[in-house]
C-alpha atoms as a PDB file:
ATOM      1  CA  MET A   1       0.048   0.002   0.010  1.00  0.00           C
ATOM      2  CA  TYR A   2       2.783   2.429   0.982  1.00  0.00           C
ATOM      3  CA  LYS A   3       4.875   1.553  -2.154  1.00  0.00           C
ATOM      4  CA  ILE A   4       1.897   2.141  -4.397  1.00  0.00           C
ATOM      5  CA  THR A   5       1.324   5.619  -2.874  1.00  0.00           C
ATOM      6  CA  ILE A   6       5.023   6.569  -3.286  1.00  0.00           C
ATOM      7  CA  ALA A   7       4.988   5.378  -6.925  1.00  0.00           C
ATOM      8  CA  ALA A   8       1.833   7.319  -7.613  1.00  0.00           C
ATOM      9  CA  LEU A   9       3.340  10.428  -6.002  1.00  0.00           C
ATOM     10  CA  ILE A  10       6.520  10.088  -8.109  1.00  0.00           C
ATOM     11  CA  ALA A  11       4.476   9.723 -11.265  1.00  0.00           C
ATOM     12  CA  GLY A  12       2.396  12.736 -10.425  1.00  0.00           C
ATOM     13  CA  LEU A  13       5.518  14.813  -9.755  1.00  0.00           C
ATOM     14  CA  ALA A  14       6.969  13.739 -13.099  1.00  0.00           C
ATOM     15  CA  ILE A  15       3.804  14.704 -14.937  1.00  0.00           C
ATOM     16  CA  GLY A  16       3.689  18.037 -13.158  1.00  0.00           C
ATOM     17  CA  LEU A  17       7.299  18.807 -13.968  1.00  0.00           C
ATOM     18  CA  ALA A  18       6.713  17.876 -17.585  1.00  0.00           C
ATOM     19  CA  ALA A  19       3.709  20.165 -17.707  1.00  0.00           C
ATOM     20  CA  CYS A  20       5.745  23.004 -16.143  1.00  0.00           C
ATOM     21  CA  ASN A  21       8.532  22.529 -18.690  1.00  0.00           C
ATOM     22  CA  ASN A  22       5.935  22.619 -21.529  1.00  0.00           C
ATOM     23  CA  SER A  23       4.388  25.821 -20.260  1.00  0.00           C
ATOM     24  CA  MET A  24       7.771  27.538 -19.966  1.00  0.00           C
ATOM     25  CA  VAL A  25       8.019  28.810 -23.543  1.00  0.00           C
ATOM     26  CA  SER A  26      11.277  30.558 -24.396  1.00  0.00           C
ATOM     27  CA  PHE A  27      11.069  33.719 -26.446  1.00  0.00           C
ATOM     28  CA  ASP A  28      13.487  35.930 -28.384  1.00  0.00           C
ATOM     29  CA  ALA A  29      12.058  39.330 -27.426  1.00  0.00           C
ATOM     30  CA  SER A  30       9.204  40.930 -25.523  1.00  0.00           C
ATOM     31  CA  GLY A  31       7.342  44.163 -25.603  1.00  0.00           C
ATOM     32  CA  ALA A  32       3.907  45.777 -25.501  1.00  0.00           C
ATOM     33  CA  PHE A  33       1.160  46.257 -28.003  1.00  0.00           C
ATOM     34  CA  GLU A  34       0.462  49.766 -29.344  1.00  0.00           C
ATOM     35  CA  ALA A  35      -1.528  51.350 -32.189  1.00  0.00           C
ATOM     36  CA  VAL A  36      -1.332  54.372 -34.413  1.00  0.00           C
ATOM     37  CA  GLU A  37      -3.460  56.866 -32.473  1.00  0.00           C
ATOM     38  CA  THR A  38      -5.075  59.917 -34.126  1.00  0.00           C
ATOM     39  CA  ILE A  39      -6.376  62.872 -32.224  1.00  0.00           C
ATOM     40  CA  ILE A  40      -9.366  64.472 -34.024  1.00  0.00           C
ATOM     41  CA  SER A  41      -9.590  68.192 -33.294  1.00  0.00           C
ATOM     42  CA  SER A  42     -12.250  70.808 -33.891  1.00  0.00           C
ATOM     43  CA  GLU A  43     -12.040  72.769 -37.141  1.00  0.00           C
ATOM     44  CA  ALA A  44     -14.439  75.449 -35.958  1.00  0.00           C
ATOM     45  CA  ALA A  45     -15.141  77.556 -32.819  1.00  0.00           C
ATOM     46  CA  GLY A  46     -18.465  77.554 -31.033  1.00  0.00           C
ATOM     47  CA  THR A  47     -20.841  75.453 -29.048  1.00  0.00           C
ATOM     48  CA  ILE A  48     -20.922  71.740 -29.744  1.00  0.00           C
ATOM     49  CA  THR A  49     -24.579  71.083 -30.507  1.00  0.00           C
ATOM     50  CA  GLN A  50     -24.134  67.349 -31.100  1.00  0.00           C
ATOM     51  CA  LEU A  51     -21.428  64.791 -30.551  1.00  0.00           C
ATOM     52  CA  ASN A  52     -22.630  61.186 -31.007  1.00  0.00           C
ATOM     53  CA  ILE A  53     -19.659  59.100 -29.948  1.00  0.00           C
ATOM     54  CA  GLU A  54     -18.721  56.996 -26.895  1.00  0.00           C
ATOM     55  CA  GLU A  55     -15.364  55.448 -25.903  1.00  0.00           C
ATOM     56  CA  GLY A  56     -15.030  52.018 -27.390  1.00  0.00           C
ATOM     57  CA  GLN A  57     -17.368  52.856 -30.330  1.00  0.00           C
ATOM     58  CA  THR A  58     -16.207  51.860 -33.756  1.00  0.00           C
ATOM     59  CA  LEU A  59     -16.434  54.567 -36.411  1.00  0.00           C
ATOM     60  CA  LYS A  60     -16.076  54.625 -40.172  1.00  0.00           C
ATOM     61  CA  ALA A  61     -14.038  57.190 -42.097  1.00  0.00           C
ATOM     62  CA  GLY A  62     -16.373  59.861 -43.472  1.00  0.00           C
ATOM     63  CA  GLN A  63     -19.017  59.257 -40.777  1.00  0.00           C
ATOM     64  CA  VAL A  64     -20.759  62.401 -39.466  1.00  0.00           C
ATOM     65  CA  ILE A  65     -20.680  62.321 -35.662  1.00  0.00           C
ATOM     66  CA  GLY A  66     -21.664  65.773 -34.618  1.00  0.00           C
ATOM     67  CA  TYR A  67     -22.129  69.513 -35.268  1.00  0.00           C
ATOM     68  CA  ILE A  68     -20.852  72.843 -34.027  1.00  0.00           C
ATOM     69  CA  ASP A  69     -23.224  75.804 -33.894  1.00  0.00           C
ATOM     70  CA  SER A  70     -23.169  77.630 -37.220  1.00  0.00           C
ATOM     71  CA  VAL A  71     -26.090  80.091 -37.025  1.00  0.00           C
ATOM     72  CA  GLN A  72     -23.905  83.262 -37.132  1.00  0.00           C
ATOM     73  CA  LEU A  73     -21.911  81.938 -40.088  1.00  0.00           C
ATOM     74  CA  TYR A  74     -25.117  81.130 -41.951  1.00  0.00           C
ATOM     75  CA  LEU A  75     -26.529  84.563 -41.307  1.00  0.00           C
ATOM     76  CA  LYS A  76     -23.312  86.199 -42.484  1.00  0.00           C
ATOM     77  CA  LYS A  77     -23.474  84.122 -45.662  1.00  0.00           C
ATOM     78  CA  LYS A  78     -27.061  85.285 -46.359  1.00  0.00           C
ATOM     79  CA  GLN A  79     -26.020  88.854 -45.960  1.00  0.00           C
ATOM     80  CA  LEU A  80     -23.185  88.529 -48.396  1.00  0.00           C
ATOM     81  CA  GLU A  81     -25.422  86.784 -50.890  1.00  0.00           C
ATOM     82  CA  ALA A  82     -27.890  89.681 -50.658  1.00  0.00           C
ATOM     83  CA  GLN A  83     -25.073  92.111 -51.241  1.00  0.00           C
ATOM     84  CA  ALA A  84     -23.864  90.264 -54.275  1.00  0.00           C
ATOM     85  CA  VAL A  85     -27.391  90.167 -55.735  1.00  0.00           C
ATOM     86  CA  ALA A  86     -27.689  93.927 -55.176  1.00  0.00           C
ATOM     87  CA  VAL A  87     -24.389  94.616 -56.901  1.00  0.00           C
ATOM     88  CA  LEU A  88     -25.064  92.419 -59.848  1.00  0.00           C
ATOM     89  CA  GLY A  89     -28.571  93.854 -60.112  1.00  0.00           C
ATOM     90  CA  LYS A  90     -27.071  97.244 -61.066  1.00  0.00           C
ATOM     91  CA  ARG A  91     -25.585  95.808 -64.240  1.00  0.00           C
ATOM     92  CA  PRO A  92     -27.172  97.421 -67.280  1.00  0.00           C
ATOM     93  CA  ASN A  93     -29.355  95.454 -69.703  1.00  0.00           C
ATOM     94  CA  ILE A  94     -27.250  96.097 -72.773  1.00  0.00           C
ATOM     95  CA  PRO A  95     -29.773  95.003 -75.422  1.00  0.00           C
ATOM     96  CA  VAL A  96     -32.466  97.186 -73.944  1.00  0.00           C
ATOM     97  CA  GLN A  97     -30.147 100.170 -73.575  1.00  0.00           C
ATOM     98  CA  LEU A  98     -29.174  99.948 -77.204  1.00  0.00           C
ATOM     99  CA  SER A  99     -32.645  99.152 -78.563  1.00  0.00           C
ATOM    100  CA  ALA A 100     -33.562 102.787 -79.399  1.00  0.00           C
ATOM    101  CA  LEU A 101     -30.351 103.389 -81.409  1.00  0.00           C
ATOM    102  CA  GLN A 102     -30.736  99.977 -83.124  1.00  0.00           C
ATOM    103  CA  GLU A 103     -34.266 100.983 -84.207  1.00  0.00           C
ATOM    104  CA  GLN A 104     -32.999 104.250 -85.603  1.00  0.00           C
ATOM    105  CA  LEU A 105     -30.276 102.409 -87.510  1.00  0.00           C
ATOM    106  CA  SER A 106     -32.820  99.997 -88.983  1.00  0.00           C
ATOM    107  CA  THR A 107     -35.022 102.840 -90.103  1.00  0.00           C
ATOM    108  CA  ASN A 108     -32.173 104.659 -91.744  1.00  0.00           C
ATOM    109  CA  GLU A 109     -30.989 101.515 -93.558  1.00  0.00           C
ATOM    110  CA  ARG A 110     -34.512 101.068 -94.926  1.00  0.00           C
ATOM    111  CA  GLU A 111     -34.513 104.738 -95.989  1.00  0.00           C
ATOM    112  CA  LYS A 112     -31.150 104.246 -97.687  1.00  0.00           C
ATOM    113  CA  ILE A 113     -32.646 101.444 -99.788  1.00  0.00           C
ATOM    114  CA  ARG A 114     -35.610 103.634-100.796  1.00  0.00           C
ATOM    115  CA  ILE A 115     -33.329 106.621-101.685  1.00  0.00           C
ATOM    116  CA  THR A 116     -30.983 104.357-103.600  1.00  0.00           C
ATOM    117  CA  ASN A 117     -33.915 103.249-105.803  1.00  0.00           C
ATOM    118  CA  LEU A 118     -35.041 106.805-106.231  1.00  0.00           C
ATOM    119  CA  VAL A 119     -31.539 107.862-107.361  1.00  0.00           C
ATOM    120  CA  LYS A 120     -31.582 105.098-109.926  1.00  0.00           C
ATOM    121  CA  GLY A 121     -34.826 106.476-111.234  1.00  0.00           C
ATOM    122  CA  ASN A 122     -33.546 110.068-111.074  1.00  0.00           C
ATOM    123  CA  ALA A 123     -36.215 110.845-108.490  1.00  0.00           C
ATOM    124  CA  ALA A 124     -33.662 111.781-105.815  1.00  0.00           C
ATOM    125  CA  THR A 125     -30.291 113.411-105.741  1.00  0.00           C
ATOM    126  CA  PRO A 126     -26.952 111.790-104.902  1.00  0.00           C
ATOM    127  CA  LYS A 127     -26.633 114.230-101.987  1.00  0.00           C
ATOM    128  CA  GLN A 128     -29.676 112.683-100.308  1.00  0.00           C
ATOM    129  CA  LEU A 129     -27.989 109.299-100.598  1.00  0.00           C
ATOM    130  CA  ASP A 130     -24.794 110.658 -99.115  1.00  0.00           C
ATOM    131  CA  ASP A 131     -26.650 112.299 -96.262  1.00  0.00           C
ATOM    132  CA  ILE A 132     -28.443 109.030 -95.319  1.00  0.00           C
ATOM    133  CA  ASN A 133     -25.139 107.082 -95.456  1.00  0.00           C
ATOM    134  CA  ALA A 134     -23.528 109.662 -93.142  1.00  0.00           C
ATOM    135  CA  GLN A 135     -26.416 109.282 -90.690  1.00  0.00           C
ATOM    136  CA  ILE A 136     -26.061 105.528 -90.718  1.00  0.00           C
ATOM    137  CA  GLU A 137     -22.299 105.742 -89.967  1.00  0.00           C
ATOM    138  CA  VAL A 138     -22.955 108.180 -87.073  1.00  0.00           C
ATOM    139  CA  LEU A 139     -25.529 105.797 -85.600  1.00  0.00           C
ATOM    140  CA  LYS A 140     -23.147 102.837 -85.876  1.00  0.00           C
ATOM    141  CA  LYS A 141     -20.445 104.805 -84.044  1.00  0.00           C
ATOM    142  CA  GLN A 142     -22.939 105.845 -81.360  1.00  0.00           C
ATOM    143  CA  ILE A 143     -24.058 102.235 -80.912  1.00  0.00           C
ATOM    144  CA  GLY A 144     -20.404 101.045 -80.681  1.00  0.00           C
ATOM    145  CA  ALA A 145     -19.524 103.721 -78.122  1.00  0.00           C
ATOM    146  CA  GLN A 146     -22.650 103.049 -76.075  1.00  0.00           C
ATOM    147  CA  ARG A 147     -22.053  99.299 -76.166  1.00  0.00           C
ATOM    148  CA  SER A 148     -18.457  99.756 -74.999  1.00  0.00           C
ATOM    149  CA  THR A 149     -19.556 102.007 -72.099  1.00  0.00           C
ATOM    150  CA  LEU A 150     -22.238  99.540 -71.046  1.00  0.00           C
ATOM    151  CA  TYR A 151     -19.882  96.527 -71.154  1.00  0.00           C
ATOM    152  CA  ILE A 152     -17.234  98.370 -69.059  1.00  0.00           C
ATOM    153  CA  SER A 153     -19.936  99.277 -66.501  1.00  0.00           C
ATOM    154  CA  SER A 154     -21.241  95.706 -66.459  1.00  0.00           C
ATOM    155  CA  GLU A 155     -17.738  94.232 -66.064  1.00  0.00           C
ATOM    156  CA  GLY A 156     -16.912  96.668 -63.324  1.00  0.00           C
ATOM    157  CA  LEU A 157     -19.946  95.636 -61.315  1.00  0.00           C
ATOM    158  CA  GLY A 158     -19.165  92.034 -61.925  1.00  0.00           C
ATOM    159  CA  LYS A 159     -15.640  92.585 -60.528  1.00  0.00           C
ATOM    160  CA  ASP A 160     -17.167  94.346 -57.531  1.00  0.00           C
ATOM    161  CA  ALA A 161     -19.099  91.161 -56.825  1.00  0.00           C
ATOM    162  CA  VAL A 162     -16.072  88.886 -57.025  1.00  0.00           C
ATOM    163  CA  PRO A 163     -14.809  89.621 -53.432  1.00  0.00           C
ATOM    164  CA  LEU A 164     -18.277  88.974 -52.127  1.00  0.00           C
ATOM    165  CA  GLN A 165     -18.346  85.608 -53.945  1.00  0.00           C
ATOM    166  CA  VAL A 166     -14.952  84.736 -52.423  1.00  0.00           C
ATOM    167  CA  GLN A 167     -16.222  85.616 -48.992  1.00  0.00           C
ATOM    168  CA  ILE A 168     -19.285  83.402 -49.530  1.00  0.00           C
ATOM    169  CA  GLU A 169     -16.959  80.496 -50.529  1.00  0.00           C
ATOM    170  CA  GLN A 170     -14.907  81.050 -47.373  1.00  0.00           C
ATOM    171  CA  LEU A 171     -18.103  80.872 -45.285  1.00  0.00           C
ATOM    172  CA  ASN A 172     -19.162  77.760 -47.114  1.00  0.00           C
ATOM    173  CA  ASP A 173     -15.844  76.162 -46.112  1.00  0.00           C
ATOM    174  CA  GLN A 174     -16.327  77.359 -42.458  1.00  0.00           C
ATOM    175  CA  LEU A 175     -19.873  75.989 -42.461  1.00  0.00           C
ATOM    176  CA  ALA A 176     -18.615  72.590 -43.763  1.00  0.00           C
ATOM    177  CA  LYS A 177     -16.053  72.528 -40.898  1.00  0.00           C
ATOM    178  CA  CYS A 178     -18.905  72.968 -38.398  1.00  0.00           C
ATOM    179  CA  LYS A 179     -19.907  69.425 -39.348  1.00  0.00           C
ATOM    180  CA  ILE A 180     -17.735  67.038 -37.307  1.00  0.00           C
ATOM    181  CA  ILE A 181     -16.698  64.215 -39.596  1.00  0.00           C
ATOM    182  CA  ASN A 182     -14.584  61.243 -38.548  1.00  0.00           C
ATOM    183  CA  THR A 183     -11.601  60.910 -40.841  1.00  0.00           C
ATOM    184  CA  VAL A 184     -10.250  57.388 -40.126  1.00  0.00           C
ATOM    185  CA  ASN A 185     -11.619  53.924 -39.514  1.00  0.00           C
ATOM    186  CA  GLY A 186     -11.071  52.883 -35.952  1.00  0.00           C
ATOM    187  CA  THR A 187     -12.185  52.654 -32.334  1.00  0.00           C
ATOM    188  CA  VAL A 188     -12.689  55.675 -30.111  1.00  0.00           C
ATOM    189  CA  LEU A 189     -10.079  55.482 -27.305  1.00  0.00           C
ATOM    190  CA  THR A 190     -10.703  58.680 -25.427  1.00  0.00           C
ATOM    191  CA  LYS A 191     -13.438  61.355 -25.605  1.00  0.00           C
ATOM    192  CA  TYR A 192     -12.327  64.795 -24.680  1.00  0.00           C
ATOM    193  CA  ALA A 193     -15.470  66.876 -25.220  1.00  0.00           C
ATOM    194  CA  GLU A 194     -19.230  66.681 -24.688  1.00  0.00           C
ATOM    195  CA  ALA A 195     -22.290  68.187 -26.326  1.00  0.00           C
ATOM    196  CA  ASN A 196     -23.139  71.745 -25.184  1.00  0.00           C
ATOM    197  CA  GLU A 197     -19.496  72.518 -24.359  1.00  0.00           C
ATOM    198  CA  MET A 198     -17.612  75.337 -26.094  1.00  0.00           C
ATOM    199  CA  THR A 199     -14.825  74.390 -28.378  1.00  0.00           C
ATOM    200  CA  ALA A 200     -12.189  76.241 -30.395  1.00  0.00           C
ATOM    201  CA  THR A 201     -10.313  75.586 -33.586  1.00  0.00           C
ATOM    202  CA  GLY A 202      -7.657  72.948 -32.965  1.00  0.00           C
ATOM    203  CA  LYS A 203      -9.096  71.802 -29.614  1.00  0.00           C
ATOM    204  CA  PRO A 204      -9.114  67.960 -29.352  1.00  0.00           C
ATOM    205  CA  LEU A 205     -12.459  66.241 -29.459  1.00  0.00           C
ATOM    206  CA  TYR A 206     -11.528  62.557 -29.266  1.00  0.00           C
ATOM    207  CA  LYS A 207      -8.741  60.030 -29.894  1.00  0.00           C
ATOM    208  CA  ILE A 208      -9.171  57.181 -32.304  1.00  0.00           C
ATOM    209  CA  ALA A 209      -7.087  54.224 -33.420  1.00  0.00           C
ATOM    210  CA  ASP A 210      -7.514  51.420 -35.948  1.00  0.00           C
ATOM    211  CA  LEU A 211      -7.330  48.269 -33.891  1.00  0.00           C
ATOM    212  CA  SER A 212      -8.065  45.837 -36.706  1.00  0.00           C
ATOM    213  CA  ASN A 213      -4.251  45.595 -37.064  1.00  0.00           C
ATOM    214  CA  ILE A 214      -2.184  46.280 -33.913  1.00  0.00           C
ATOM    215  CA  ILE A 215       1.572  46.814 -33.452  1.00  0.00           C
ATOM    216  CA  LEU A 216       3.750  44.836 -31.086  1.00  0.00           C
ATOM    217  CA  ARG A 217       6.918  46.827 -30.273  1.00  0.00           C
ATOM    218  CA  VAL A 218       9.668  44.612 -29.050  1.00  0.00           C
ATOM    219  CA  TYR A 219      13.360  45.107 -28.310  1.00  0.00           C
ATOM    220  CA  ILE A 220      16.260  42.955 -29.498  1.00  0.00           C
ATOM    221  CA  THR A 221      19.944  42.997 -28.793  1.00  0.00           C
ATOM    222  CA  GLY A 222      22.593  43.702 -31.364  1.00  0.00           C
ATOM    223  CA  ASP A 223      23.520  40.074 -31.772  1.00  0.00           C
ATOM    224  CA  GLN A 224      19.910  39.316 -32.752  1.00  0.00           C
ATOM    225  CA  LEU A 225      19.863  41.814 -35.636  1.00  0.00           C
ATOM    226  CA  PRO A 226      21.120  39.324 -38.243  1.00  0.00           C
ATOM    227  CA  GLN A 227      18.131  37.099 -37.425  1.00  0.00           C
ATOM    228  CA  VAL A 228      15.431  39.668 -38.388  1.00  0.00           C
ATOM    229  CA  GLN A 229      14.494  41.457 -41.597  1.00  0.00           C
ATOM    230  CA  LEU A 230      11.580  43.477 -42.922  1.00  0.00           C
ATOM    231  CA  ASN A 231       8.442  41.508 -43.873  1.00  0.00           C
ATOM    232  CA  GLN A 232       9.735  38.515 -41.916  1.00  0.00           C
ATOM    233  CA  GLN A 233       7.031  36.348 -40.367  1.00  0.00           C
ATOM    234  CA  VAL A 234       7.497  35.756 -36.644  1.00  0.00           C
ATOM    235  CA  LYS A 235       5.519  33.873 -33.912  1.00  0.00           C
ATOM    236  CA  VAL A 236       3.687  36.162 -31.447  1.00  0.00           C
ATOM    237  CA  LEU A 237       2.796  34.838 -28.005  1.00  0.00           C
ATOM    238  CA  THR A 238       0.513  36.254 -25.364  1.00  0.00           C
ATOM    239  CA  ASP A 239      -0.881  34.949 -22.099  1.00  0.00           C
ATOM    240  CA  ASP A 240      -4.162  33.035 -22.700  1.00  0.00           C
ATOM    241  CA  GLY A 241      -5.298  33.350 -19.040  1.00  0.00           C
ATOM    242  CA  LYS A 242      -4.935  29.581 -18.530  1.00  0.00           C
ATOM    243  CA  ASN A 243      -1.247  29.401 -17.633  1.00  0.00           C
ATOM    244  CA  GLY A 244      -0.524  29.015 -21.292  1.00  0.00           C
ATOM    245  CA  TYR A 245       0.119  31.071 -24.411  1.00  0.00           C
ATOM    246  CA  LYS A 246      -1.954  32.210 -27.263  1.00  0.00           C
ATOM    247  CA  THR A 247       0.044  32.048 -30.531  1.00  0.00           C
ATOM    248  CA  THR A 248      -0.411  33.925 -33.765  1.00  0.00           C
ATOM    249  CA  THR A 249       1.716  35.117 -36.689  1.00  0.00           C
ATOM    250  CA  GLY A 250       2.977  38.692 -37.125  1.00  0.00           C
ATOM    251  CA  THR A 251       5.011  40.560 -39.764  1.00  0.00           C
ATOM    252  CA  ILE A 252       8.057  42.758 -39.014  1.00  0.00           C
ATOM    253  CA  THR A 253       7.245  46.146 -40.477  1.00  0.00           C
ATOM    254  CA  TRP A 254      10.047  48.253 -39.001  1.00  0.00           C
ATOM    255  CA  ILE A 255      13.461  47.852 -37.460  1.00  0.00           C
ATOM    256  CA  SER A 256      15.169  50.749 -35.742  1.00  0.00           C
ATOM    257  CA  ASP A 257      18.473  51.724 -37.259  1.00  0.00           C
ATOM    258  CA  GLU A 258      19.654  53.283 -33.965  1.00  0.00           C
ATOM    259  CA  ALA A 259      20.222  51.587 -30.580  1.00  0.00           C
ATOM    260  CA  GLU A 260      18.656  52.877 -27.415  1.00  0.00           C
ATOM    261  CA  PHE A 261      18.902  52.097 -23.754  1.00  0.00           C
ATOM    262  CA  THR A 262      16.775  49.142 -22.644  1.00  0.00           C
ATOM    263  CA  PRO A 263      13.429  50.301 -21.257  1.00  0.00           C
ATOM    264  CA  LYS A 264      12.951  49.273 -17.633  1.00  0.00           C
ATOM    265  CA  THR A 265       9.771  47.308 -18.312  1.00  0.00           C
ATOM    266  CA  ILE A 266      11.291  45.259 -21.148  1.00  0.00           C
ATOM    267  CA  GLN A 267      13.108  41.937 -20.912  1.00  0.00           C
ATOM    268  CA  THR A 268      15.522  40.773 -23.578  1.00  0.00           C
ATOM    269  CA  ARG A 269      17.101  37.415 -24.187  1.00  0.00           C
ATOM    270  CA  ASN A 270      20.331  38.920 -22.749  1.00  0.00           C
ATOM    271  CA  GLU A 271      19.147  40.897 -19.803  1.00  0.00           C
ATOM    272  CA  ARG A 272      22.610  42.393 -19.312  1.00  0.00           C
ATOM    273  CA  ALA A 273      22.371  44.283 -22.610  1.00  0.00           C
ATOM    274  CA  ASP A 274      22.597  48.070 -22.200  1.00  0.00           C
ATOM    275  CA  LYS A 275      21.532  48.981 -25.710  1.00  0.00           C
ATOM    276  CA  VAL A 276      18.730  47.430 -27.724  1.00  0.00           C
ATOM    277  CA  TYR A 277      16.952  47.960 -31.090  1.00  0.00           C
ATOM    278  CA  ALA A 278      13.188  48.519 -31.352  1.00  0.00           C
ATOM    279  CA  VAL A 279      11.252  46.319 -33.762  1.00  0.00           C
ATOM    280  CA  LYS A 280       7.575  46.709 -34.782  1.00  0.00           C
ATOM    281  CA  ILE A 281       5.509  43.638 -35.609  1.00  0.00           C
ATOM    282  CA  LYS A 282       2.133  44.018 -37.279  1.00  0.00           C
ATOM    283  CA  VAL A 283      -0.434  41.596 -35.910  1.00  0.00           C
ATOM    284  CA  LYS A 284      -3.970  41.058 -37.198  1.00  0.00           C
ATOM    285  CA  ASN A 285      -6.276  41.726 -34.226  1.00  0.00           C
ATOM    286  CA  ASP A 286      -9.165  39.384 -33.572  1.00  0.00           C
ATOM    287  CA  GLY A 287     -10.302  41.622 -30.741  1.00  0.00           C
ATOM    288  CA  SER A 288      -8.211  39.937 -28.014  1.00  0.00           C
ATOM    289  CA  TYR A 289      -5.165  42.195 -28.270  1.00  0.00           C
ATOM    290  CA  LYS A 290      -5.303  45.474 -26.394  1.00  0.00           C
ATOM    291  CA  ILE A 291      -3.084  48.520 -26.254  1.00  0.00           C
ATOM    292  CA  GLY A 292      -0.519  48.102 -23.485  1.00  0.00           C
ATOM    293  CA  MET A 293      -0.836  44.323 -23.324  1.00  0.00           C
ATOM    294  CA  TYR A 294       2.502  42.455 -23.103  1.00  0.00           C
ATOM    295  CA  GLY A 295       3.633  40.003 -25.731  1.00  0.00           C
ATOM    296  CA  GLU A 296       6.628  37.955 -26.779  1.00  0.00           C
ATOM    297  CA  ILE A 297       7.966  36.835 -30.090  1.00  0.00           C
ATOM    298  CA  LYS A 298       9.963  33.909 -31.418  1.00  0.00           C
ATOM    299  CA  PHE A 299      11.865  34.313 -34.714  1.00  0.00           C
ATOM    300  CA  ARG A 300      11.277  30.680 -35.636  1.00  0.00           C
END
């Protein structure tokens, strides 16, 4: 009975030691997960009338998430539009202005035809024909001069309206910036403002990051550099919460070309190393990887 118990105990210890040895997975480097974080700031000043976001919410690029009060900008735009209409309304109606002279010219041209026929029949003198030709030339010059004056006046008023149109376009741009539009796909990490608060141009509204792909920044020693290269596939290990490791594949996207002192929170294969090189590994995130979480890698 006693021998059986001892044998069972020895077997149990052997199994336990084997399990411990299996759970102790060696790694080549360790580090923490991070993401490319973008701070979205206000492009207009005023009261935030609406801001429909919450921390942890996933947003799409181009999604409208809120508004900044734009009443004063809109009223200013309406005022400028009215001024532009008033200025352009002063432009002369050139065809109407010239209609009287054009009618006189038409009448004289018809009279010229009549006198020409009379001269052919010796019923009118050549002088009468010369007189009507002179009147026609005078009218043509008057029409030309009047048309030139009217065109100059019209162009001048049109130019007076150009600055107003530019100001209207500026206000349109400012009004568009009162609409808060998310610019990148990602998850809201931090919310800095709330509806009904005042904001200003450049003031942060929220922080967002694309967590669909996350970055593991690890540190390696100089003697490990020959083992890594860009676009290399490596094994990424994280705690699975069951005294084991979750394993996935990552791709090396960046290798620092300058050594730095080993961060206090980082372990390397050679813990005595004073200088290390940072390496970024891109990992496809299934939702289990979080910013700040620790991870390890194995080159092979």
